[in-house]
Protein backbone atom coordinates (compact mmCIF):
# COMPACT_ATOMS: atom_id res chain seq x y z
CA UNK A 1 21.25 -15.76 -11.96
CA UNK A 2 20.63 -13.96 -8.61
CA UNK A 3 17.21 -12.08 -8.42
CA UNK A 4 17.26 -8.27 -8.81
CA UNK A 5 16.22 -6.18 -5.82
CA UNK A 6 13.12 -4.08 -6.12
CA UNK A 7 14.12 -1.73 -3.39
CA UNK A 8 17.22 -1.19 -1.30
CA UNK A 9 17.40 0.63 2.22
CA UNK A 10 17.60 0.10 5.91
CA UNK A 11 15.48 -1.78 8.50
CA UNK A 12 15.51 0.20 11.69
CA UNK A 13 14.13 -0.74 15.12
CA UNK A 14 14.86 2.01 17.59
CA UNK A 15 18.61 2.51 17.28
CA UNK A 16 19.43 -0.87 15.55
CA UNK A 17 19.69 -0.27 11.72
CA UNK A 18 20.88 -2.99 9.02
CA UNK A 19 20.90 -2.76 5.29
CA UNK A 20 18.28 -4.68 3.60
CA UNK A 21 16.83 -5.47 0.23
CA UNK A 22 13.41 -6.30 -1.12
CA UNK A 23 12.59 -8.96 -3.69
CA UNK A 24 9.41 -9.97 -5.54
CA UNK A 25 7.93 -12.87 -3.75
CA UNK A 26 4.87 -13.40 -6.13
CA UNK A 27 4.79 -12.59 -9.84
CA UNK A 28 2.69 -13.06 -12.82
CA UNK A 29 5.58 -12.82 -15.31
CA UNK A 30 5.44 -16.52 -16.01
CA UNK A 31 1.84 -16.66 -17.23
CA UNK A 32 0.94 -17.04 -21.02
CA UNK A 33 1.02 -13.43 -22.54
CA UNK A 34 -0.39 -12.31 -25.68
CA UNK A 35 0.10 -9.23 -27.92
CA UNK A 36 -2.58 -7.78 -30.26
CA UNK A 37 -1.96 -8.42 -33.86
CA UNK A 38 -3.29 -7.13 -37.13
CA UNK A 39 -5.20 -10.26 -38.44
CA UNK A 40 -4.59 -9.24 -42.11
CA UNK A 41 -0.81 -8.41 -41.99
CA UNK A 42 0.18 -10.40 -38.59
CA UNK A 43 2.02 -7.14 -37.38
CA UNK A 44 1.77 -6.16 -33.80
CA UNK A 45 -0.48 -3.32 -32.77
CA UNK A 46 0.48 -0.25 -30.56
CA UNK A 47 -2.04 2.07 -28.76
CA UNK A 48 -2.60 5.46 -29.38
CA UNK A 49 -4.43 8.09 -27.13
CA UNK A 50 -7.31 9.78 -29.09
CA UNK A 51 -8.85 13.13 -28.44
CA UNK A 52 -12.62 12.29 -27.38
CA UNK A 53 -13.85 15.29 -29.10
CA UNK A 54 -11.65 15.83 -32.28
CA UNK A 55 -10.79 12.30 -32.85
CA UNK A 56 -7.12 13.24 -33.66
CA UNK A 57 -3.97 11.38 -32.04
CA UNK A 58 -2.61 13.13 -29.06
CA UNK A 59 1.18 13.03 -29.12
CA UNK A 60 3.14 11.99 -25.90
CA UNK A 61 4.41 15.48 -25.11
CA UNK A 62 0.77 16.87 -24.98
CA UNK A 63 -0.59 14.17 -22.57
CA UNK A 64 -1.14 15.26 -19.21
CA UNK A 65 -3.15 13.71 -16.22
CA UNK A 66 -6.45 15.11 -15.24
CA UNK A 67 -8.92 14.83 -12.42
CA UNK A 68 -12.49 15.03 -13.15
CA UNK A 69 -14.41 17.59 -11.04
CA UNK A 70 -17.70 17.40 -12.81
CA UNK A 71 -19.54 15.49 -15.52
CA UNK A 72 -16.90 16.02 -18.48
CA UNK A 73 -15.13 18.74 -16.55
CA UNK A 74 -11.51 18.08 -15.67
CA UNK A 75 -8.61 19.98 -14.21
CA UNK A 76 -5.07 19.16 -15.88
CA UNK A 77 -2.17 18.45 -13.46
CA UNK A 78 1.46 18.73 -15.00
CA UNK A 79 4.10 16.15 -13.91
CA UNK A 80 5.82 18.78 -11.67
CA UNK A 81 2.60 19.42 -9.84
CA UNK A 82 1.97 15.75 -9.16
CA UNK A 83 5.60 15.32 -8.08
CA UNK A 84 5.06 17.82 -5.47
CA UNK A 85 2.82 15.53 -3.60
CA UNK A 86 5.31 12.64 -3.64
CA UNK A 87 6.53 11.97 -0.08
CA UNK A 88 10.29 12.36 0.35
CA UNK A 89 12.17 8.92 0.99
CA UNK A 90 14.92 8.25 3.31
CA UNK A 91 15.19 4.68 2.26
CA UNK A 92 14.35 3.56 5.97
CA UNK A 93 11.85 0.82 6.78
CA UNK A 94 11.18 1.93 10.22
CA UNK A 95 9.33 -0.43 12.74
CA UNK A 96 6.72 1.43 14.49
CA UNK A 97 5.31 -1.34 16.50
CA UNK A 98 5.33 -5.25 17.33
CA UNK A 99 1.86 -6.81 17.14
CA UNK A 100 0.68 -10.49 17.85
CA UNK A 101 0.46 -12.55 14.89
CA UNK A 102 -3.20 -13.53 15.47
CA UNK A 103 -4.05 -9.71 15.38
CA UNK A 104 -3.43 -9.66 11.59
CA UNK A 105 -6.43 -9.29 9.31
CA UNK A 106 -5.30 -10.69 6.10
CA UNK A 107 -8.07 -8.58 4.23
CA UNK A 108 -5.51 -5.95 4.33
CA UNK A 109 -2.58 -7.84 2.61
CA UNK A 110 -1.55 -6.30 -0.58
CA UNK A 111 1.65 -7.82 -2.10
CA UNK A 112 4.46 -9.99 -0.45
CA UNK A 113 8.19 -9.36 -0.71
CA UNK A 114 11.27 -11.14 0.64
CA UNK A 115 13.23 -9.01 2.84
CA UNK A 116 16.97 -10.00 3.17
CA UNK A 117 20.33 -8.30 4.44
CA UNK A 118 21.93 -6.44 1.57
CA UNK A 119 25.42 -6.20 3.04
CA UNK A 120 27.32 -8.81 5.05
CA UNK A 121 28.06 -6.17 7.69
CA UNK A 122 24.28 -6.33 8.67
CA UNK A 123 23.94 -9.92 8.95
CA UNK A 124 24.26 -10.11 12.68
CA UNK A 125 21.70 -7.13 13.33
CA UNK A 126 19.20 -8.95 10.89
CA UNK A 127 19.59 -12.21 12.62
CA UNK A 128 18.95 -10.58 15.84
CA UNK A 129 15.56 -9.01 14.75
CA UNK A 130 14.39 -12.15 12.84
CA UNK A 131 15.13 -14.47 15.94
CA UNK A 132 13.85 -11.89 18.57
CA UNK A 133 10.53 -11.78 16.48
CA UNK A 134 10.35 -15.72 16.34
CA UNK A 135 10.92 -16.17 19.99
CA UNK A 136 8.27 -13.59 20.85
CA UNK A 137 5.90 -14.76 18.03
CA UNK A 138 5.25 -11.25 16.75
CA UNK A 139 5.18 -9.49 13.48
CA UNK A 140 6.05 -5.90 12.93
CA UNK A 141 4.34 -3.02 11.53
CA UNK A 142 6.81 -0.48 9.46
CA UNK A 143 6.30 2.42 7.24
CA UNK A 144 8.59 3.55 4.35
CA UNK A 145 8.27 5.07 0.85
CA UNK A 146 7.91 2.42 -1.79
CA UNK A 147 7.45 2.84 -5.57
CA UNK A 148 6.69 6.56 -5.00
CA UNK A 149 4.04 6.02 -2.16
CA UNK A 150 4.05 5.96 1.53
CA UNK A 151 3.33 2.43 2.54
CA UNK A 152 2.66 0.35 5.83
CA UNK A 153 4.24 -2.80 5.67
CA UNK A 154 3.87 -5.90 7.75
CA UNK A 155 7.10 -7.89 8.49
CA UNK A 156 7.07 -11.47 9.66
CA UNK A 157 9.99 -13.94 10.13
CA UNK A 158 10.14 -16.83 7.38
CA UNK A 159 13.07 -19.26 7.30
CA UNK A 160 16.40 -17.62 7.27
CA UNK A 161 14.76 -14.29 6.22
CA UNK A 162 11.71 -11.96 6.83
CA UNK A 163 8.54 -11.42 4.62
CA UNK A 164 7.43 -7.83 4.07
CA UNK A 165 3.77 -7.53 2.91
CA UNK A 166 2.55 -4.08 1.71
CA UNK A 167 -0.82 -3.47 3.40
CA UNK A 168 -3.93 -1.95 1.89
CA UNK A 169 -5.11 1.40 3.65
CA UNK A 170 -8.51 1.09 5.50
CA UNK A 171 -10.35 3.14 2.87
CA UNK A 172 -9.15 0.53 0.34
CA UNK A 173 -10.78 -2.36 2.09
CA UNK A 174 -14.59 -2.43 1.53
CA UNK A 175 -16.92 -3.14 4.27
CA UNK A 176 -17.78 -6.75 4.92
CA UNK A 177 -20.85 -5.63 6.72
CA UNK A 178 -22.23 -4.19 3.27
CA UNK A 179 -21.04 -7.16 1.48
CA UNK A 180 -22.95 -9.66 3.68
CA UNK A 181 -26.02 -7.58 4.58
CA UNK A 182 -28.45 -9.56 2.34
CA UNK A 183 -27.27 -12.73 3.50
CA UNK A 184 -30.25 -14.26 5.45
CA UNK A 185 -29.79 -15.69 8.96
CA UNK A 186 -30.87 -19.39 8.34
CA UNK A 187 -31.56 -21.81 11.16
CA UNK A 188 -29.86 -25.12 10.59
CA UNK A 189 -31.15 -28.34 12.03
CA UNK A 190 -28.75 -30.45 14.09
CA UNK A 191 -28.62 -33.40 11.73
CA UNK A 192 -27.62 -30.94 8.92
CA UNK A 193 -24.62 -29.61 11.03
CA UNK A 194 -23.52 -32.93 12.05
CA UNK A 195 -23.58 -34.27 8.39
CA UNK A 196 -21.65 -31.11 7.24
CA UNK A 197 -19.14 -31.63 10.21
CA UNK A 198 -18.69 -35.27 9.01
CA UNK A 199 -17.92 -34.15 5.59
CA UNK A 200 -15.35 -31.54 6.51
CA UNK A 201 -13.58 -34.06 8.85
CA UNK A 202 -13.27 -36.54 5.80
CA UNK A 203 -11.95 -33.91 3.58
CA UNK A 204 -9.25 -32.49 5.79
CA UNK A 205 -5.83 -32.06 4.44
CA UNK A 206 -2.74 -29.75 4.43
CA UNK A 207 -2.16 -26.58 2.41
CA UNK A 208 0.34 -27.62 -0.38
CA UNK A 209 0.75 -24.79 -3.14
CA UNK A 210 2.27 -27.37 -5.27
CA UNK A 211 -0.90 -29.23 -5.52
CA UNK A 212 -2.76 -26.27 -7.30
CA UNK A 213 -2.49 -26.19 -10.97
CA UNK A 214 -3.28 -23.14 -13.05
CA UNK A 215 -5.37 -25.09 -15.62
CA UNK A 216 -6.23 -22.15 -17.60
CA UNK A 217 -2.62 -21.24 -18.32
CA UNK A 218 -1.71 -24.85 -18.95
CA UNK A 219 -4.74 -25.07 -21.32
CA UNK A 220 -3.50 -21.76 -23.12
CA UNK A 221 0.03 -23.30 -23.37
CA UNK A 222 -1.38 -26.46 -25.19
CA UNK A 223 -3.56 -24.29 -27.41
CA UNK A 224 -0.39 -22.09 -28.52
CA UNK A 225 1.62 -25.45 -28.91
CA UNK A 226 -1.15 -27.04 -31.07
CA UNK A 227 -1.14 -23.98 -33.12
CA UNK A 228 2.60 -23.94 -33.73
CA UNK A 229 2.59 -27.54 -34.65
CA UNK A 230 -0.51 -27.20 -36.94
CA UNK A 231 -2.72 -29.57 -35.02
CA UNK A 232 -6.43 -29.11 -34.80
CA UNK A 233 -7.32 -27.27 -31.49
CA UNK A 234 -10.16 -29.40 -29.63
CA UNK A 235 -12.63 -27.41 -27.61
CA UNK A 236 -13.07 -28.21 -24.04
CA UNK A 237 -15.97 -30.36 -23.45
CA UNK A 238 -18.67 -28.76 -20.96
CA UNK A 239 -19.17 -30.62 -17.82
CA UNK A 240 -22.66 -32.25 -17.38
CA UNK A 241 -24.81 -30.14 -15.11
CA UNK A 242 -25.58 -31.83 -11.76
CA UNK A 243 -29.09 -32.76 -10.85
CA UNK A 244 -30.89 -30.51 -8.32
CA UNK A 245 -31.63 -32.61 -5.37
CA UNK A 246 -32.85 -32.10 -1.70
CA UNK A 247 -30.22 -30.41 0.40
CA UNK A 248 -30.55 -33.02 3.11
CA UNK A 249 -30.09 -35.96 0.70
CA UNK A 250 -27.24 -34.14 -0.89
CA UNK A 251 -25.57 -34.01 2.62
CA UNK A 252 -26.17 -37.69 3.13
CA UNK A 253 -24.70 -38.69 -0.22
CA UNK A 254 -21.66 -36.62 0.25
CA UNK A 255 -21.27 -38.27 3.63
CA UNK A 256 -21.66 -41.64 2.32
CA UNK A 257 -24.94 -42.16 4.30
CA UNK A 258 -27.51 -41.85 1.70
CA UNK A 259 -30.88 -43.49 2.64
CA UNK A 260 -31.88 -44.77 -0.84
CA UNK A 261 -34.55 -47.47 -0.69
CA UNK A 262 -33.03 -50.92 -1.51
CA UNK A 263 -34.18 -52.56 -4.70
CA UNK A 264 -36.39 -55.28 -4.09
CA UNK A 265 -35.74 -58.64 -6.03
CA UNK A 266 -38.73 -59.73 -8.01
CA UNK A 267 -39.40 -63.39 -8.16
CA UNK A 268 -39.96 -64.68 -11.52
CA UNK A 269 -43.18 -66.36 -12.08
CA UNK A 270 -42.92 -70.17 -11.98
CA UNK A 271 -43.24 -71.76 -15.31
CA UNK A 272 -46.62 -73.41 -16.30
CA UNK A 273 -46.26 -77.27 -15.90
CA UNK A 274 -46.98 -79.27 -18.95
CA UNK A 275 -49.48 -81.84 -18.45
CA UNK A 276 -47.85 -85.26 -18.27
CA UNK A 277 -48.01 -87.73 -21.27
CA UNK A 278 -50.42 -90.57 -20.90
CA UNK A 279 -48.61 -93.99 -20.46
CA UNK A 280 -49.38 -96.45 -23.24
CA UNK A 281 -50.71 -99.76 -22.09
CA UNK A 282 -48.59 -102.80 -23.16
CA UNK A 283 -50.83 -104.68 -25.33
């Protein structure tokens, strides 16, 4: 079954326009999911909104969104008032600028989507934009209304299509300086860096997402299967704690250059000689 488009509109560069569609590129829908049940009856539970003061259930038609202006002081906003702030959508993904690929800070990446032509009449224009970006080694910044919000989108060529990644706004990305402010400036010795570089070189590889397993989800699936089949669920054995050793020795052991003293072979003490038996005289 063909995937369902999340959004349809138009990709525009200057006067060049082509119809396009967005499809989810990453989803958590295949993960193991649980429902809350009543342990006694096995029936599924549903949530209710309770008034924090009266303790009574509030029906859906009486529920409104509110903004806290003070401690426990809220202003209520009706759906129509919130709708007044929604931007108008013209269904156009308009490219504002092309930027060098190495100018992209992936801290701003939000969610990826596949961008494809949605109409065969737009195939040629779509291919022209895609191949032009590949040849120039650039990405594109565009703006549009997606899912009731104005979003900035980064567009990059990928195979026969494009990948459109929604970007976080600057106020949503927290300061790296604040996060790293307490990290001390450690002066490292030359041998330490050489050993670290050696370890890194021996561990070099290539990024292959197929090689990464969601062990927790697989373990959950096994637990569910065991429960269905009536088998005993075995708890996971905790890993043995590693011994705390000297940093330099840890580096040497990781690099296979440990300088552990060789075990000395101890000589066995010579066996005590028995006195020779006296010879009998022939007589």
